[in-house]
Amino acid sequence: MKKKILLVYLGKKGGGARLFGETVSLLLERNVSFVTLISSSLDEVTKVLCPKNLRLEVSTFTNFSGAFLGTAMLPFKLYRIYFFVRENNITKVYFLMPHIWDLPLLVLFRYLGIDTEVLVHDPKPHMGEFFPPKTLMTVEAKLATRTIVLSEYSRALMSPISENITLKHLPIPPRHLPVPKKEYQILFIGRSQLYKGIDLLLEAMTFPQAQDLELTVISSFSNNTPKNTHNVQIIDQWIHESDFEKIIASAQIVVLPYREASQSGIIPIAFANRVPCVVTPVGALPEMIKYYSCGMVSKSLDPYDILEAIIISLNSQDFTFIQELVVQTVDAYICDSNSDDVIE
C-alpha cells in the first residue's frame, strides 16, 4: 500500500484555516498522497477544498459544556483515528495549529512509531493572551519528532524547548487572479487585538503629512470601534480568510504596525500579489521582509516613523519581487528530501 501523510487541523477558522486550505490545494496540485484529520466545525468554505474521501472529521468543542462532553468521548475518537491511520498507511503526521487534543494524538502516534511534525506559529503569547497556549505549544514540541518554525526569531525562542527544529518559510502558491483595480491606497486587514497596533497607525494618519493619504482599516471590533475621518475609512466586519487575497491584491500597500510578531501570514499573500508591505521593526517582521524582498521596515514603533515608511513606499518603484519565490510550491514547505514515497 502506498504511504501517505496525515495533515491535522482541529481549528474552525482564521489564519490556521487559511493555511490548511492552501496546503491542501498545493498537495492536490502536486499529487501528494495524503489524508486529513479535521474538526467537523471547520468552516464549510475551507472544508470543501478537501475531498470527502481524504478527510476524517471529528467533533470538537465550541463551548465549555462541549469541551467536557468532547473530552469524555475522546477515547472513542482516538479509537476511530487509530484505525484511520492504520487503514491509510500513514508514515508522517503534520500538525498545523496547536489544539489541546493534539497531546493525546501525539502520544498515540509516538506509540505507533509514526514521525510527527508540529508547526509553531507563535512561540510566546501575544499581548492580552493568557498563558496556557504557551504551555500547550511547549508540551507539543517536546512530544513531536520535529518542530517547524517560520522564522529565525522563532527558532531562537524554541531552541531551549525542542532539539530538532527546522525553519520553513510560509509557502507562496502561484496566484491566478487577474490584476485587480486598486481600491485601497493604504490597507490594514486583520484582528483588532492590542499587539496589532491599529492605534499606532491611526495616530500616524493624524499628522499633516498624511492629510492627502487614504487608509482603510478592515477588522472586526468587539467594542470601541474607531471613527471614520476624512482620510480613514473603518470597515467593521469579519472577513473570511478566503477573501483575504482579493482584498490585499486591491491595495497599493499593506501596513502591519504590530507591537510584536513572530510571523505574519499577510506578508506572503501580499508578496504573491506584488503588493508591498510596511512593517514595524519587531519580532520576525524585518526577517520576513528581507526574505520575501517585498517592502519596508519603519525605523521604530513611533507613529511618525510608520508614516514616513508609508510615504516612501507609496512613492517607490524599487521593490523587487523575486520570481523564484512566487512560483515555489509545497515542496519547500511540507515535502522534503524523503518525500518520494508520497509524490506520484
Protein backbone atom coordinates (compact mmCIF):
# COMPACT_ATOMS: atom_id res chain seq x y z
CA MET A 1 0.00 0.00 0.00
CA LYS A 2 1.27 3.47 -0.88
CA LYS A 3 2.50 5.50 2.07
CA LYS A 4 0.61 8.66 2.98
CA ILE A 5 1.00 11.71 5.17
CA LEU A 6 -1.67 12.95 7.57
CA LEU A 7 -2.50 16.64 7.91
CA VAL A 8 -4.10 17.55 11.26
CA TYR A 9 -6.07 20.75 11.79
CA LEU A 10 -8.69 20.84 14.56
CA GLY A 11 -9.46 24.58 14.43
CA LYS A 12 -12.50 26.29 12.91
CA LYS A 13 -11.47 29.50 11.16
CA GLY A 14 -8.81 32.18 10.94
CA GLY A 15 -5.24 32.04 9.73
CA GLY A 16 -4.92 28.34 10.54
CA ALA A 17 -7.91 27.54 8.33
CA ARG A 18 -6.39 29.57 5.50
CA LEU A 19 -3.08 27.72 5.84
CA PHE A 20 -4.92 24.38 5.90
CA GLY A 21 -6.87 25.24 2.75
CA GLU A 22 -3.82 26.44 0.85
CA THR A 23 -1.75 23.44 1.92
CA VAL A 24 -4.48 21.01 0.83
CA SER A 25 -4.75 22.76 -2.55
CA LEU A 26 -1.00 22.52 -3.07
CA LEU A 27 -0.85 18.88 -2.03
CA LEU A 28 -3.59 18.05 -4.54
CA GLU A 29 -1.77 20.03 -7.24
CA ARG A 30 1.45 18.09 -6.56
CA ASN A 31 -0.28 14.69 -6.47
CA VAL A 32 0.95 14.05 -2.93
CA SER A 33 -0.65 11.04 -1.24
CA PHE A 34 -2.30 12.40 1.89
CA VAL A 35 -5.38 12.39 4.10
CA THR A 36 -6.59 14.88 6.69
CA LEU A 37 -7.95 14.88 10.22
CA ILE A 38 -10.16 17.92 10.75
CA SER A 39 -12.77 19.32 13.09
CA SER A 40 -16.37 18.91 11.97
CA SER A 41 -16.73 22.59 12.98
CA LEU A 42 -14.26 23.75 10.31
CA ASP A 43 -15.97 26.37 8.18
CA GLU A 44 -17.58 24.91 5.07
CA VAL A 45 -15.76 27.20 2.63
CA THR A 46 -12.44 25.70 3.73
CA LYS A 47 -13.75 22.17 4.29
CA VAL A 48 -14.90 21.70 0.70
CA LEU A 49 -11.34 22.30 -0.54
CA CYS A 50 -10.51 18.81 0.74
CA PRO A 51 -12.37 15.93 -0.97
CA LYS A 52 -14.55 13.84 1.38
CA ASN A 53 -12.57 10.68 0.72
CA LEU A 54 -9.43 12.41 2.02
CA ARG A 55 -10.72 13.56 5.38
CA LEU A 56 -11.79 12.17 8.73
CA GLU A 57 -13.96 14.59 10.68
CA VAL A 58 -14.19 14.56 14.46
CA SER A 59 -16.47 16.73 16.55
CA THR A 60 -14.61 19.25 18.68
CA PHE A 61 -15.91 21.63 21.30
CA THR A 62 -17.37 25.10 20.74
CA ASN A 63 -18.13 25.94 24.40
CA PHE A 64 -17.36 24.75 27.95
CA SER A 65 -20.06 22.06 28.09
CA GLY A 66 -18.99 20.83 24.65
CA ALA A 67 -15.41 20.66 25.83
CA PHE A 68 -16.42 18.50 28.81
CA LEU A 69 -18.53 16.13 26.71
CA GLY A 70 -15.98 16.04 23.88
CA THR A 71 -13.14 15.16 26.23
CA ALA A 72 -15.24 12.39 27.78
CA MET A 73 -15.71 10.93 24.28
CA LEU A 74 -12.04 11.31 23.37
CA PRO A 75 -11.12 7.61 23.88
CA PHE A 76 -13.72 6.66 21.26
CA LYS A 77 -12.40 9.31 18.89
CA LEU A 78 -8.85 8.02 19.34
CA TYR A 79 -10.11 4.53 18.51
CA ARG A 80 -11.51 5.82 15.18
CA ILE A 81 -8.31 7.73 14.46
CA TYR A 82 -6.17 4.66 15.22
CA PHE A 83 -7.94 2.59 12.56
CA PHE A 84 -8.00 5.51 10.12
CA VAL A 85 -4.21 5.80 10.44
CA ARG A 86 -3.70 2.07 10.00
CA GLU A 87 -6.08 1.88 7.04
CA ASN A 88 -4.26 4.69 5.21
CA ASN A 89 -0.69 3.54 5.96
CA ILE A 90 0.32 6.87 7.50
CA THR A 91 4.08 7.39 7.81
CA LYS A 92 4.24 11.04 8.85
CA VAL A 93 1.86 13.47 10.56
CA TYR A 94 1.83 17.28 10.34
CA PHE A 95 0.06 19.38 12.97
CA LEU A 96 -0.75 22.81 11.51
CA MET A 97 -2.05 24.60 14.63
CA PRO A 98 -1.95 23.84 18.37
CA HIS A 99 -5.06 22.22 19.87
CA ILE A 100 -5.50 20.60 23.26
CA TRP A 101 -6.37 17.27 21.61
CA ASP A 102 -3.04 17.25 19.81
CA LEU A 103 -1.47 15.97 23.03
CA PRO A 104 -3.19 12.54 23.14
CA LEU A 105 -2.76 12.30 19.36
CA LEU A 106 0.98 12.86 19.67
CA VAL A 107 1.16 10.18 22.36
CA LEU A 108 -0.78 7.80 20.11
CA PHE A 109 1.48 8.44 17.10
CA ARG A 110 4.60 8.05 19.23
CA TYR A 111 3.26 4.68 20.41
CA LEU A 112 2.67 3.69 16.76
CA GLY A 113 6.20 4.77 15.79
CA ILE A 114 4.99 7.45 13.35
CA ASP A 115 7.04 10.61 12.80
CA THR A 116 5.25 13.81 13.79
CA GLU A 117 5.96 17.43 12.99
CA VAL A 118 4.40 20.37 14.84
CA LEU A 119 4.20 23.79 13.21
CA VAL A 120 4.75 26.55 15.79
CA HIS A 121 3.32 29.87 14.61
CA ASP A 122 3.81 31.91 17.78
CA PRO A 123 6.40 30.73 20.34
CA LYS A 124 5.06 33.10 23.00
CA PRO A 125 1.63 34.55 23.81
CA HIS A 126 0.65 37.86 22.28
CA MET A 127 -0.22 40.90 24.38
CA GLY A 128 -3.51 40.22 26.14
CA GLU A 129 -3.41 36.46 25.62
CA PHE A 130 -3.25 34.06 28.54
CA PHE A 131 -0.55 31.55 29.39
CA PRO A 132 -1.99 28.05 28.64
CA PRO A 133 -1.39 28.23 24.83
CA LYS A 134 2.31 28.68 25.57
CA THR A 135 2.24 25.61 27.82
CA LEU A 136 0.35 23.60 25.18
CA MET A 137 2.85 24.55 22.50
CA THR A 138 5.77 23.59 24.76
CA VAL A 139 4.37 20.13 25.50
CA GLU A 140 3.56 19.54 21.82
CA ALA A 141 7.10 20.46 20.78
CA LYS A 142 8.55 18.03 23.35
CA LEU A 143 6.30 15.18 22.17
CA ALA A 144 6.81 15.73 18.43
CA THR A 145 9.61 14.23 16.36
CA ARG A 146 10.37 17.63 14.85
CA THR A 147 9.31 21.24 15.35
CA ILE A 148 8.78 23.54 12.37
CA VAL A 149 9.19 27.28 12.88
CA LEU A 150 8.56 30.13 10.45
CA SER A 151 11.46 32.44 11.32
CA GLU A 152 14.90 32.59 12.92
CA TYR A 153 13.26 34.69 15.62
CA SER A 154 11.00 31.75 16.50
CA ARG A 155 13.86 29.27 16.24
CA ALA A 156 15.76 31.18 18.94
CA LEU A 157 12.74 31.11 21.25
CA MET A 158 12.08 27.41 20.66
CA SER A 159 15.68 26.16 20.90
CA PRO A 160 15.54 25.62 24.70
CA ILE A 161 12.39 23.52 24.25
CA SER A 162 12.95 21.38 21.17
CA GLU A 163 16.18 19.76 20.00
CA ASN A 164 15.03 19.11 16.44
CA ILE A 165 13.92 22.38 14.82
CA THR A 166 13.51 23.15 11.13
CA LEU A 167 12.93 26.60 9.66
CA LYS A 168 10.48 26.67 6.76
CA HIS A 169 9.10 29.95 5.46
CA LEU A 170 5.40 30.10 4.73
CA PRO A 171 4.68 28.73 1.23
CA ILE A 172 3.73 31.03 -1.61
CA PRO A 173 1.41 29.23 -4.01
CA PRO A 174 1.09 30.60 -7.55
CA ARG A 175 -1.68 33.17 -7.87
CA HIS A 176 -4.04 33.18 -10.81
CA LEU A 177 -6.10 36.28 -10.04
CA PRO A 178 -6.19 38.99 -12.69
CA VAL A 179 -4.61 42.23 -11.53
CA PRO A 180 -7.50 43.99 -9.75
CA LYS A 181 -8.33 47.65 -9.58
CA LYS A 182 -6.50 49.27 -6.68
CA GLU A 183 -9.44 50.15 -4.42
CA TYR A 184 -7.34 50.85 -1.32
CA GLN A 185 -4.33 53.15 -1.14
CA ILE A 186 -3.18 52.04 2.32
CA LEU A 187 -4.68 48.91 3.85
CA PHE A 188 -4.74 47.32 7.29
CA ILE A 189 -6.55 43.99 7.49
CA GLY A 190 -6.70 41.63 10.46
CA ARG A 191 -7.80 41.24 14.03
CA SER A 192 -8.17 44.27 16.29
CA GLN A 193 -6.01 43.00 19.13
CA LEU A 194 -3.64 45.27 21.05
CA TYR A 195 -0.48 43.75 19.58
CA LYS A 196 -1.67 44.56 16.03
CA GLY A 197 -1.03 48.27 16.68
CA ILE A 198 -4.06 49.73 14.88
CA ASP A 199 -3.94 52.68 17.29
CA LEU A 200 -0.37 53.46 16.17
CA LEU A 201 -1.46 53.52 12.54
CA LEU A 202 -4.48 55.70 13.26
CA GLU A 203 -2.27 58.17 15.12
CA ALA A 204 0.12 58.24 12.14
CA MET A 205 -2.79 59.32 9.94
CA THR A 206 -3.38 62.44 12.08
CA PHE A 207 -0.09 64.09 11.10
CA PRO A 208 -0.20 66.89 8.49
CA GLN A 209 1.87 64.79 6.06
CA ALA A 210 -0.96 62.21 5.99
CA GLN A 211 -3.80 64.58 5.15
CA ASP A 212 -3.84 63.63 1.46
CA LEU A 213 -3.47 59.89 2.10
CA GLU A 214 -6.27 57.34 2.40
CA LEU A 215 -6.23 54.49 4.92
CA THR A 216 -8.74 51.64 5.00
CA VAL A 217 -8.92 49.50 8.16
CA ILE A 218 -10.80 46.21 7.77
CA SER A 219 -11.22 44.49 11.12
CA SER A 220 -13.83 43.12 13.48
CA PHE A 221 -14.06 45.34 16.55
CA SER A 222 -15.76 43.89 19.62
CA ASN A 223 -16.02 47.38 21.14
CA ASN A 224 -14.57 50.89 20.86
CA THR A 225 -14.75 50.90 17.06
CA PRO A 226 -12.65 53.81 15.72
CA LYS A 227 -14.49 56.55 13.88
CA ASN A 228 -14.14 57.39 10.23
CA THR A 229 -12.24 60.58 9.41
CA HIS A 230 -11.55 62.42 6.17
CA ASN A 231 -8.58 60.15 5.46
CA VAL A 232 -9.50 56.96 7.39
CA GLN A 233 -12.27 54.52 6.49
CA ILE A 234 -13.18 51.88 9.08
CA ILE A 235 -14.87 48.71 7.84
CA ASP A 236 -16.03 46.90 10.97
CA GLN A 237 -16.74 43.35 9.86
CA TRP A 238 -15.35 39.82 9.93
CA ILE A 239 -13.59 38.94 6.69
CA HIS A 240 -13.42 35.28 5.75
CA GLU A 241 -9.92 34.02 5.12
CA SER A 242 -10.83 33.07 1.55
CA ASP A 243 -11.40 36.77 0.78
CA PHE A 244 -8.03 37.98 2.08
CA GLU A 245 -6.18 37.56 -1.19
CA LYS A 246 -8.71 39.51 -3.23
CA ILE A 247 -8.73 42.38 -0.72
CA ILE A 248 -4.95 42.52 -0.30
CA ALA A 249 -4.44 42.41 -4.06
CA SER A 250 -6.66 45.51 -4.32
CA ALA A 251 -4.31 47.62 -2.16
CA GLN A 252 -1.38 49.78 -3.18
CA ILE A 253 0.41 48.92 0.07
CA VAL A 254 -0.41 46.90 3.19
CA VAL A 255 0.68 48.10 6.62
CA LEU A 256 1.46 45.87 9.61
CA PRO A 257 2.04 48.29 12.53
CA TYR A 258 2.47 45.45 15.03
CA ARG A 259 3.90 45.83 18.52
CA GLU A 260 5.12 42.23 18.36
CA ALA A 261 5.06 39.38 15.84
CA SER A 262 6.72 36.01 15.37
CA GLN A 263 5.39 35.71 11.79
CA SER A 264 2.64 37.04 9.55
CA GLY A 265 0.51 35.22 7.00
CA ILE A 266 -0.34 38.57 5.40
CA ILE A 267 3.18 39.12 4.01
CA PRO A 268 3.32 36.03 1.73
CA ILE A 269 -0.16 36.83 0.36
CA ALA A 270 0.87 40.41 -0.37
CA PHE A 271 4.14 39.22 -1.90
CA ALA A 272 2.38 36.79 -4.23
CA ASN A 273 0.17 39.62 -5.47
CA ARG A 274 3.02 42.14 -5.85
CA VAL A 275 1.73 44.37 -3.06
CA PRO A 276 4.48 45.97 -0.91
CA CYS A 277 4.24 45.80 2.90
CA VAL A 278 5.25 48.35 5.51
CA VAL A 279 6.08 46.70 8.84
CA THR A 280 7.42 47.72 12.22
CA PRO A 281 10.88 46.54 13.43
CA VAL A 282 9.56 43.88 15.81
CA GLY A 283 9.95 40.12 16.08
CA ALA A 284 10.28 38.32 12.76
CA LEU A 285 8.74 41.02 10.56
CA PRO A 286 12.07 42.53 9.35
CA GLU A 287 13.32 39.00 8.68
CA MET A 288 10.26 38.22 6.56
CA ILE A 289 10.54 41.47 4.59
CA LYS A 290 14.19 40.66 3.86
CA TYR A 291 13.36 37.08 2.82
CA TYR A 292 10.46 38.00 0.54
CA SER A 293 12.07 41.28 -0.55
CA CYS A 294 8.68 42.91 -0.66
CA GLY A 295 8.52 46.03 1.45
CA MET A 296 9.97 48.34 4.01
CA VAL A 297 10.63 48.34 7.75
CA SER A 298 9.91 51.50 9.73
CA LYS A 299 12.66 52.95 11.91
CA SER A 300 10.68 52.38 15.11
CA LEU A 301 7.18 51.93 16.55
CA ASP A 302 6.74 55.69 16.63
CA PRO A 303 3.66 56.64 14.53
CA TYR A 304 5.69 59.31 12.72
CA ASP A 305 8.27 56.72 11.64
CA ILE A 306 5.47 54.42 10.47
CA LEU A 307 4.03 57.27 8.39
CA GLU A 308 7.44 58.06 6.92
CA ALA A 309 7.83 54.44 5.77
CA ILE A 310 4.33 54.53 4.25
CA ILE A 311 5.07 57.69 2.25
CA ILE A 312 8.40 56.33 0.99
CA SER A 313 6.74 53.04 -0.02
CA LEU A 314 3.93 54.78 -1.90
CA ASN A 315 6.50 56.69 -3.92
CA SER A 316 8.91 53.83 -4.51
CA GLN A 317 9.26 51.79 -7.68
CA ASP A 318 12.21 49.77 -6.42
CA PHE A 319 10.54 46.76 -4.80
CA THR A 320 11.96 43.53 -6.23
CA PHE A 321 9.58 40.59 -6.12
CA ILE A 322 11.78 37.55 -6.64
CA GLN A 323 10.17 35.39 -9.31
CA GLU A 324 11.62 32.14 -7.99
CA LEU A 325 9.76 32.65 -4.71
CA VAL A 326 6.49 33.45 -6.45
CA VAL A 327 6.42 30.10 -8.19
CA GLN A 328 7.60 27.96 -5.27
CA THR A 329 5.21 25.17 -4.35
CA VAL A 330 4.50 22.97 -1.39
CA ASP A 331 7.84 21.18 -1.93
CA ALA A 332 9.55 23.87 0.13
CA TYR A 333 7.11 23.52 2.99
CA ILE A 334 5.63 20.12 3.61
CA CYS A 335 7.72 17.87 1.36
CA ASP A 336 11.38 17.17 1.90
CA SER A 337 14.18 15.01 0.57
CA ASN A 338 12.44 11.93 1.95
CA SER A 339 9.11 12.64 0.29
CA ASP A 340 9.49 10.50 -2.82
CA ASP A 341 7.27 7.84 -1.31
CA VAL A 342 4.30 10.23 -1.12
CA ILE A 343 4.70 12.00 -4.50
CA GLU A 344 3.44 10.18 -7.55
